[in-house]
Amino acid sequence: MGSGCCKSSPDKDAPEKEDPKKLLLAKLCQRKRVQAAGQIQAWWRGTLVRRILLVAALRAWMIQCWWKTVRQRRIQKMRQTLLKIYVTQEQSAVKLQSWFRMVQCHQSYCQICNTLCVFQAPMSSPAFQADDFLHVQYGVASKQPEFHIEILLV
């Protein structure tokens, strides 16, 4: 019994010699698997980061579009307000000019009427009997309309 336990069996020695090769091969396979797993994980992390960046870019774009719309509405509202102010000012200026022209015409008309009243004389007046007709020309200042009077006696 004792002799069998001291002997070394050839089956146990052979695996010990091949074990370093298998161990080296197993380590190499493990490294390749770890490297492949690392590449897959890196690809997946990159995909996630790109997806997150895409979502962030889309949200930023949406915010920019919203802000541009708000800004355009504000600008349009300001333009409308300025246009209303401009139209009101123009209408006021036109009314004021029209009123001023009306007053000028009225004054001119009154002045012409007063002048005509001075020239009207009775028909029996000797000044009107001497000539067949009388030419009267009334000049008005340059800003006022010109008025020519020609009185013919029959």
C-alpha atoms as a PDB file:
ATOM      1  CA  MET A   1       0.000   0.000   0.000  1.00  0.00           C
ATOM      2  CA  GLY A   2       2.685   2.339   0.817  1.00  0.00           C
ATOM      3  CA  SER A   3       4.482   1.780  -2.410  1.00  0.00           C
ATOM      4  CA  GLY A   4       1.537   2.914  -4.525  1.00  0.00           C
ATOM      5  CA  CYS A   5       1.197   6.247  -2.853  1.00  0.00           C
ATOM      6  CA  CYS A   6       4.810   7.306  -3.263  1.00  0.00           C
ATOM      7  CA  LYS A   7       4.874   6.693  -6.934  1.00  0.00           C
ATOM      8  CA  SER A   8       4.035   9.549  -9.162  1.00  0.00           C
ATOM      9  CA  SER A   9       1.638   8.673 -11.842  1.00  0.00           C
ATOM     10  CA  PRO A  10       2.420   9.726 -15.383  1.00  0.00           C
ATOM     11  CA  ASP A  11      -1.196  10.982 -15.826  1.00  0.00           C
ATOM     12  CA  LYS A  12      -0.788  13.632 -13.127  1.00  0.00           C
ATOM     13  CA  ASP A  13       2.567  14.913 -14.423  1.00  0.00           C
ATOM     14  CA  ALA A  14       1.424  15.353 -18.017  1.00  0.00           C
ATOM     15  CA  PRO A  15      -1.362  17.803 -17.240  1.00  0.00           C
ATOM     16  CA  GLU A  16       0.995  19.905 -15.170  1.00  0.00           C
ATOM     17  CA  LYS A  17       3.292  20.311 -18.154  1.00  0.00           C
ATOM     18  CA  GLU A  18       0.425  21.234 -20.492  1.00  0.00           C
ATOM     19  CA  ASP A  19      -1.267  23.377 -17.892  1.00  0.00           C
ATOM     20  CA  PRO A  20       0.961  26.439 -18.497  1.00  0.00           C
ATOM     21  CA  LYS A  21       0.075  26.392 -22.210  1.00  0.00           C
ATOM     22  CA  LYS A  22      -3.619  26.043 -21.487  1.00  0.00           C
ATOM     23  CA  LEU A  23      -3.327  28.698 -18.837  1.00  0.00           C
ATOM     24  CA  LEU A  24      -1.582  31.047 -21.269  1.00  0.00           C
ATOM     25  CA  LEU A  25      -4.196  30.297 -23.935  1.00  0.00           C
ATOM     26  CA  ALA A  26      -7.013  30.852 -21.440  1.00  0.00           C
ATOM     27  CA  LYS A  27      -5.463  34.182 -20.386  1.00  0.00           C
ATOM     28  CA  LEU A  28      -5.125  35.231 -24.023  1.00  0.00           C
ATOM     29  CA  CYS A  29      -8.758  34.310 -24.704  1.00  0.00           C
ATOM     30  CA  GLN A  30      -9.816  36.156 -21.558  1.00  0.00           C
ATOM     31  CA  ARG A  31      -7.893  39.266 -22.669  1.00  0.00           C
ATOM     32  CA  LYS A  32      -9.534  39.148 -26.100  1.00  0.00           C
ATOM     33  CA  ARG A  33     -12.962  38.805 -24.502  1.00  0.00           C
ATOM     34  CA  VAL A  34     -12.253  41.691 -22.116  1.00  0.00           C
ATOM     35  CA  GLN A  35     -10.959  43.807 -25.007  1.00  0.00           C
ATOM     36  CA  ALA A  36     -13.994  42.946 -27.159  1.00  0.00           C
ATOM     37  CA  ALA A  37     -16.309  43.689 -24.226  1.00  0.00           C
ATOM     38  CA  GLY A  38     -14.501  47.019 -23.725  1.00  0.00           C
ATOM     39  CA  GLN A  39     -14.960  47.891 -27.406  1.00  0.00           C
ATOM     40  CA  ILE A  40     -18.649  47.021 -27.251  1.00  0.00           C
ATOM     41  CA  GLN A  41     -19.065  49.060 -24.076  1.00  0.00           C
ATOM     42  CA  ALA A  42     -17.213  52.017 -25.621  1.00  0.00           C
ATOM     43  CA  TRP A  43     -19.414  51.836 -28.711  1.00  0.00           C
ATOM     44  CA  TRP A  44     -22.546  51.680 -26.542  1.00  0.00           C
ATOM     45  CA  ARG A  45     -21.414  54.614 -24.359  1.00  0.00           C
ATOM     46  CA  GLY A  46     -20.643  56.623 -27.524  1.00  0.00           C
ATOM     47  CA  THR A  47     -24.079  55.783 -28.906  1.00  0.00           C
ATOM     48  CA  LEU A  48     -25.723  56.905 -25.668  1.00  0.00           C
ATOM     49  CA  VAL A  49     -23.699  60.132 -25.599  1.00  0.00           C
ATOM     50  CA  ARG A  50     -24.548  60.877 -29.228  1.00  0.00           C
ATOM     51  CA  ARG A  51     -28.212  60.181 -28.526  1.00  0.00           C
ATOM     52  CA  ILE A  52     -28.162  62.505 -25.490  1.00  0.00           C
ATOM     53  CA  LEU A  53     -26.381  65.195 -27.516  1.00  0.00           C
ATOM     54  CA  LEU A  54     -28.917  64.825 -30.317  1.00  0.00           C
ATOM     55  CA  VAL A  55     -31.815  65.218 -27.873  1.00  0.00           C
ATOM     56  CA  ALA A  56     -30.115  68.253 -26.291  1.00  0.00           C
ATOM     57  CA  ALA A  57     -29.495  69.787 -29.726  1.00  0.00           C
ATOM     58  CA  LEU A  58     -33.123  69.226 -30.745  1.00  0.00           C
ATOM     59  CA  ARG A  59     -34.367  70.817 -27.530  1.00  0.00           C
ATOM     60  CA  ALA A  60     -32.029  73.779 -28.006  1.00  0.00           C
ATOM     61  CA  TRP A  61     -33.284  74.138 -31.584  1.00  0.00           C
ATOM     62  CA  MET A  62     -36.896  74.066 -30.378  1.00  0.00           C
ATOM     63  CA  ILE A  63     -36.151  76.765 -27.798  1.00  0.00           C
ATOM     64  CA  GLN A  64     -34.413  78.888 -30.436  1.00  0.00           C
ATOM     65  CA  CYS A  65     -37.387  78.550 -32.799  1.00  0.00           C
ATOM     66  CA  TRP A  66     -39.774  79.509 -29.998  1.00  0.00           C
ATOM     67  CA  TRP A  67     -37.647  82.537 -29.070  1.00  0.00           C
ATOM     68  CA  LYS A  68     -37.415  83.673 -32.706  1.00  0.00           C
ATOM     69  CA  THR A  69     -41.208  83.465 -32.951  1.00  0.00           C
ATOM     70  CA  VAL A  70     -41.649  85.480 -29.752  1.00  0.00           C
ATOM     71  CA  ARG A  71     -39.143  88.067 -30.961  1.00  0.00           C
ATOM     72  CA  GLN A  72     -40.820  88.336 -34.382  1.00  0.00           C
ATOM     73  CA  ARG A  73     -44.205  88.851 -32.696  1.00  0.00           C
ATOM     74  CA  ARG A  74     -42.751  91.613 -30.522  1.00  0.00           C
ATOM     75  CA  ILE A  75     -41.150  93.295 -33.530  1.00  0.00           C
ATOM     76  CA  GLN A  76     -44.398  93.026 -35.521  1.00  0.00           C
ATOM     77  CA  LYS A  77     -46.386  94.476 -32.621  1.00  0.00           C
ATOM     78  CA  MET A  78     -43.914  97.357 -32.297  1.00  0.00           C
ATOM     79  CA  ARG A  79     -44.105  98.014 -36.035  1.00  0.00           C
ATOM     80  CA  GLN A  80     -47.902  98.068 -35.877  1.00  0.00           C
ATOM     81  CA  THR A  81     -47.787 100.529 -32.972  1.00  0.00           C
ATOM     82  CA  LEU A  82     -45.315 102.772 -34.769  1.00  0.00           C
ATOM     83  CA  LEU A  83     -47.415 102.611 -37.935  1.00  0.00           C
ATOM     84  CA  LYS A  84     -50.540 103.629 -36.007  1.00  0.00           C
ATOM     85  CA  ILE A  85     -48.650 106.555 -34.454  1.00  0.00           C
ATOM     86  CA  TYR A  86     -47.346 107.590 -37.878  1.00  0.00           C
ATOM     87  CA  VAL A  87     -50.814 107.427 -39.457  1.00  0.00           C
ATOM     88  CA  THR A  88     -52.301 109.460 -36.602  1.00  0.00           C
ATOM     89  CA  GLN A  89     -49.596 112.102 -36.947  1.00  0.00           C
ATOM     90  CA  GLU A  90     -50.040 112.272 -40.719  1.00  0.00           C
ATOM     91  CA  GLN A  91     -53.819 112.603 -40.417  1.00  0.00           C
ATOM     92  CA  SER A  92     -53.389 115.328 -37.819  1.00  0.00           C
ATOM     93  CA  ALA A  93     -50.922 117.190 -40.036  1.00  0.00           C
ATOM     94  CA  VAL A  94     -53.269 116.928 -43.035  1.00  0.00           C
ATOM     95  CA  LYS A  95     -56.214 118.219 -40.983  1.00  0.00           C
ATOM     96  CA  LEU A  96     -54.140 121.092 -39.642  1.00  0.00           C
ATOM     97  CA  GLN A  97     -52.913 122.011 -43.127  1.00  0.00           C
ATOM     98  CA  SER A  98     -56.456 121.794 -44.474  1.00  0.00           C
ATOM     99  CA  TRP A  99     -57.762 124.034 -41.703  1.00  0.00           C
ATOM    100  CA  PHE A 100     -54.949 126.532 -42.265  1.00  0.00           C
ATOM    101  CA  ARG A 101     -55.623 126.635 -46.031  1.00  0.00           C
ATOM    102  CA  MET A 102     -59.320 127.077 -45.360  1.00  0.00           C
ATOM    103  CA  VAL A 103     -58.591 130.042 -43.074  1.00  0.00           C
ATOM    104  CA  GLN A 104     -56.289 131.548 -45.723  1.00  0.00           C
ATOM    105  CA  CYS A 105     -58.932 131.132 -48.428  1.00  0.00           C
ATOM    106  CA  HIS A 106     -61.575 132.627 -46.166  1.00  0.00           C
ATOM    107  CA  GLN A 107     -59.364 135.628 -45.395  1.00  0.00           C
ATOM    108  CA  SER A 108     -58.597 136.060 -49.083  1.00  0.00           C
ATOM    109  CA  TYR A 109     -62.251 135.824 -49.964  1.00  0.00           C
ATOM    110  CA  CYS A 110     -63.189 138.394 -47.307  1.00  0.00           C
ATOM    111  CA  GLN A 111     -60.442 140.728 -48.524  1.00  0.00           C
ATOM    112  CA  ILE A 112     -61.662 140.430 -52.131  1.00  0.00           C
ATOM    113  CA  CYS A 113     -65.264 141.013 -51.056  1.00  0.00           C
ATOM    114  CA  ASN A 114     -64.254 144.136 -49.135  1.00  0.00           C
ATOM    115  CA  THR A 115     -62.305 145.380 -52.138  1.00  0.00           C
ATOM    116  CA  LEU A 116     -65.274 144.838 -54.419  1.00  0.00           C
ATOM    117  CA  CYS A 117     -67.515 146.728 -52.050  1.00  0.00           C
ATOM    118  CA  VAL A 118     -65.190 149.740 -52.335  1.00  0.00           C
ATOM    119  CA  PHE A 119     -65.300 149.678 -56.140  1.00  0.00           C
ATOM    120  CA  GLN A 120     -69.043 149.350 -56.358  1.00  0.00           C
ATOM    121  CA  ALA A 121     -70.492 152.765 -57.050  1.00  0.00           C
ATOM    122  CA  PRO A 122     -73.875 153.946 -58.134  1.00  0.00           C
ATOM    123  CA  MET A 123     -74.476 153.696 -61.859  1.00  0.00           C
ATOM    124  CA  SER A 124     -75.200 157.374 -62.057  1.00  0.00           C
ATOM    125  CA  SER A 125     -71.673 158.257 -61.011  1.00  0.00           C
ATOM    126  CA  PRO A 126     -69.860 160.488 -63.530  1.00  0.00           C
ATOM    127  CA  ALA A 127     -66.695 158.377 -63.387  1.00  0.00           C
ATOM    128  CA  PHE A 128     -68.479 155.352 -64.806  1.00  0.00           C
ATOM    129  CA  GLN A 129     -70.324 157.325 -67.498  1.00  0.00           C
ATOM    130  CA  ALA A 130     -67.159 158.656 -69.094  1.00  0.00           C
ATOM    131  CA  ASP A 131     -65.802 155.278 -70.230  1.00  0.00           C
ATOM    132  CA  ASP A 132     -67.654 152.345 -71.676  1.00  0.00           C
ATOM    133  CA  PHE A 133     -65.859 149.919 -69.409  1.00  0.00           C
ATOM    134  CA  LEU A 134     -63.503 149.935 -66.488  1.00  0.00           C
ATOM    135  CA  HIS A 135     -60.653 147.497 -66.030  1.00  0.00           C
ATOM    136  CA  VAL A 136     -59.783 146.835 -62.442  1.00  0.00           C
ATOM    137  CA  GLN A 137     -56.997 144.505 -61.488  1.00  0.00           C
ATOM    138  CA  TYR A 138     -56.604 143.457 -57.907  1.00  0.00           C
ATOM    139  CA  GLY A 139     -53.260 141.971 -56.943  1.00  0.00           C
ATOM    140  CA  VAL A 140     -52.987 139.727 -53.965  1.00  0.00           C
ATOM    141  CA  ALA A 141     -49.820 138.795 -52.121  1.00  0.00           C
ATOM    142  CA  SER A 142     -47.794 135.973 -53.647  1.00  0.00           C
ATOM    143  CA  LYS A 143     -49.031 133.389 -51.153  1.00  0.00           C
ATOM    144  CA  GLN A 144     -52.639 134.132 -51.982  1.00  0.00           C
ATOM    145  CA  PRO A 145     -54.455 133.305 -55.208  1.00  0.00           C
ATOM    146  CA  GLU A 146     -54.527 136.011 -57.893  1.00  0.00           C
ATOM    147  CA  PHE A 147     -57.852 137.661 -58.625  1.00  0.00           C
ATOM    148  CA  HIS A 148     -58.521 139.780 -61.708  1.00  0.00           C
ATOM    149  CA  ILE A 149     -61.645 141.912 -61.881  1.00  0.00           C
ATOM    150  CA  GLU A 150     -62.932 143.243 -65.162  1.00  0.00           C
ATOM    151  CA  ILE A 151     -66.049 145.338 -64.953  1.00  0.00           C
ATOM    152  CA  LEU A 152     -67.865 146.074 -68.207  1.00  0.00           C
ATOM    153  CA  LEU A 153     -70.576 148.669 -68.421  1.00  0.00           C
ATOM    154  CA  VAL A 154     -73.261 148.186 -70.978  1.00  0.00           C
END
